[in-house]
Amino acid sequence: MTNQIAIVLGLMILAGIGADIVLNDGDGLLFLAKKFWDLSDWIAFWR
């Protein structure tokens, strides 16, 4: 991966987070954070 591709991907992620905060008050980001927390608990259980 080149630096230019990494910068573009990073900007796209930040734009998506910004759009979620502006349009949905961050509900989508909170949902994903909760699901990631559940996934990490599930993985820790099977460790």
N, C-alpha and C. Protein backbone atom coordinates (compact mmCIF):
# COMPACT_ATOMS: atom_id res chain seq x y z
N MET A 1 0.85 -1.17 0.00
CA MET A 1 0.00 0.00 0.00
C MET A 1 0.90 1.24 0.00
N THR A 2 0.62 2.13 -0.90
CA THR A 2 1.41 3.34 -0.98
C THR A 2 0.89 4.38 0.01
N ASN A 3 1.68 5.41 0.23
CA ASN A 3 1.26 6.47 1.15
C ASN A 3 0.02 7.18 0.65
N GLN A 4 -0.09 7.35 -0.64
CA GLN A 4 -1.25 8.05 -1.20
C GLN A 4 -2.53 7.25 -0.97
N ILE A 5 -2.47 5.95 -1.15
CA ILE A 5 -3.64 5.12 -0.90
C ILE A 5 -4.00 5.14 0.57
N ALA A 6 -3.02 5.08 1.46
CA ALA A 6 -3.27 5.11 2.89
C ALA A 6 -3.92 6.43 3.31
N ILE A 7 -3.47 7.53 2.74
CA ILE A 7 -4.04 8.83 3.07
C ILE A 7 -5.48 8.92 2.59
N VAL A 8 -5.74 8.44 1.38
CA VAL A 8 -7.10 8.47 0.84
C VAL A 8 -8.04 7.61 1.69
N LEU A 9 -7.60 6.41 2.05
CA LEU A 9 -8.43 5.55 2.90
C LEU A 9 -8.68 6.17 4.26
N GLY A 10 -7.67 6.78 4.84
CA GLY A 10 -7.83 7.46 6.12
C GLY A 10 -8.82 8.61 6.04
N LEU A 11 -8.74 9.39 4.98
CA LEU A 11 -9.68 10.50 4.79
C LEU A 11 -11.10 10.00 4.57
N MET A 12 -11.24 8.88 3.87
CA MET A 12 -12.58 8.31 3.66
C MET A 12 -13.18 7.83 4.97
N ILE A 13 -12.37 7.22 5.82
CA ILE A 13 -12.86 6.77 7.12
C ILE A 13 -13.26 7.96 7.98
N LEU A 14 -12.43 9.00 7.99
CA LEU A 14 -12.77 10.20 8.76
C LEU A 14 -14.02 10.89 8.22
N ALA A 15 -14.19 10.90 6.90
CA ALA A 15 -15.38 11.48 6.30
C ALA A 15 -16.62 10.69 6.69
N GLY A 16 -16.51 9.37 6.72
CA GLY A 16 -17.63 8.53 7.14
C GLY A 16 -18.00 8.75 8.59
N ILE A 17 -17.00 8.87 9.44
CA ILE A 17 -17.27 9.15 10.86
C ILE A 17 -17.90 10.52 11.01
N GLY A 18 -17.38 11.50 10.30
CA GLY A 18 -17.94 12.85 10.36
C GLY A 18 -19.37 12.89 9.86
N ALA A 19 -19.66 12.18 8.76
CA ALA A 19 -21.02 12.14 8.23
C ALA A 19 -21.97 11.47 9.23
N ASP A 20 -21.50 10.42 9.88
CA ASP A 20 -22.34 9.74 10.87
C ASP A 20 -22.65 10.67 12.04
N ILE A 21 -21.67 11.41 12.49
CA ILE A 21 -21.89 12.33 13.61
C ILE A 21 -22.85 13.44 13.22
N VAL A 22 -22.70 13.98 12.01
CA VAL A 22 -23.56 15.09 11.57
C VAL A 22 -24.96 14.61 11.26
N LEU A 23 -25.09 13.49 10.55
CA LEU A 23 -26.40 13.05 10.08
C LEU A 23 -27.17 12.19 11.09
N ASN A 24 -26.47 11.39 11.89
CA ASN A 24 -27.13 10.44 12.78
C ASN A 24 -26.78 10.63 14.25
N ASP A 25 -26.14 11.74 14.58
CA ASP A 25 -25.71 12.00 15.96
C ASP A 25 -24.80 10.91 16.50
N GLY A 26 -24.08 10.23 15.62
CA GLY A 26 -23.11 9.22 16.05
C GLY A 26 -23.72 7.89 16.44
N ASP A 27 -24.97 7.64 16.09
CA ASP A 27 -25.62 6.38 16.46
C ASP A 27 -24.97 5.18 15.80
N GLY A 28 -24.60 5.31 14.54
CA GLY A 28 -23.95 4.20 13.84
C GLY A 28 -22.60 3.87 14.43
N LEU A 29 -21.84 4.89 14.79
CA LEU A 29 -20.53 4.68 15.40
C LEU A 29 -20.66 4.02 16.77
N LEU A 30 -21.65 4.43 17.53
CA LEU A 30 -21.89 3.83 18.84
C LEU A 30 -22.31 2.36 18.69
N PHE A 31 -23.16 2.08 17.70
CA PHE A 31 -23.58 0.71 17.43
C PHE A 31 -22.38 -0.17 17.10
N LEU A 32 -21.50 0.32 16.22
CA LEU A 32 -20.33 -0.46 15.84
C LEU A 32 -19.38 -0.65 17.02
N ALA A 33 -19.26 0.35 17.88
CA ALA A 33 -18.40 0.22 19.05
C ALA A 33 -18.95 -0.84 20.01
N LYS A 34 -20.26 -0.86 20.19
CA LYS A 34 -20.87 -1.88 21.07
C LYS A 34 -20.69 -3.27 20.50
N LYS A 35 -20.87 -3.42 19.19
CA LYS A 35 -20.70 -4.72 18.56
C LYS A 35 -19.25 -5.18 18.62
N PHE A 36 -18.31 -4.25 18.46
CA PHE A 36 -16.90 -4.61 18.57
C PHE A 36 -16.57 -5.05 19.99
N TRP A 37 -17.16 -4.40 20.98
CA TRP A 37 -16.95 -4.78 22.38
C TRP A 37 -17.48 -6.19 22.63
N ASP A 38 -18.67 -6.49 22.11
CA ASP A 38 -19.22 -7.83 22.24
C ASP A 38 -18.33 -8.87 21.56
N LEU A 39 -17.82 -8.53 20.38
CA LEU A 39 -16.93 -9.43 19.67
C LEU A 39 -15.66 -9.69 20.46
N SER A 40 -15.09 -8.65 21.05
CA SER A 40 -13.85 -8.85 21.82
C SER A 40 -14.11 -9.68 23.06
N ASP A 41 -15.28 -9.52 23.69
CA ASP A 41 -15.63 -10.38 24.83
C ASP A 41 -15.78 -11.83 24.40
N TRP A 42 -16.41 -12.05 23.24
CA TRP A 42 -16.62 -13.39 22.73
C TRP A 42 -15.28 -14.06 22.38
N ILE A 43 -14.38 -13.29 21.78
CA ILE A 43 -13.07 -13.83 21.45
C ILE A 43 -12.28 -14.14 22.72
N ALA A 44 -12.38 -13.30 23.72
CA ALA A 44 -11.67 -13.54 24.98
C ALA A 44 -12.20 -14.79 25.66
N PHE A 45 -13.50 -15.08 25.51
CA PHE A 45 -14.08 -16.27 26.09
C PHE A 45 -13.49 -17.53 25.48
N TRP A 46 -13.26 -17.52 24.17
CA TRP A 46 -12.75 -18.69 23.48
C TRP A 46 -11.23 -18.79 23.52
N ARG A 47 -10.59 -17.87 24.14
CA ARG A 47 -9.13 -17.89 24.20
C ARG A 47 -8.59 -18.98 25.08
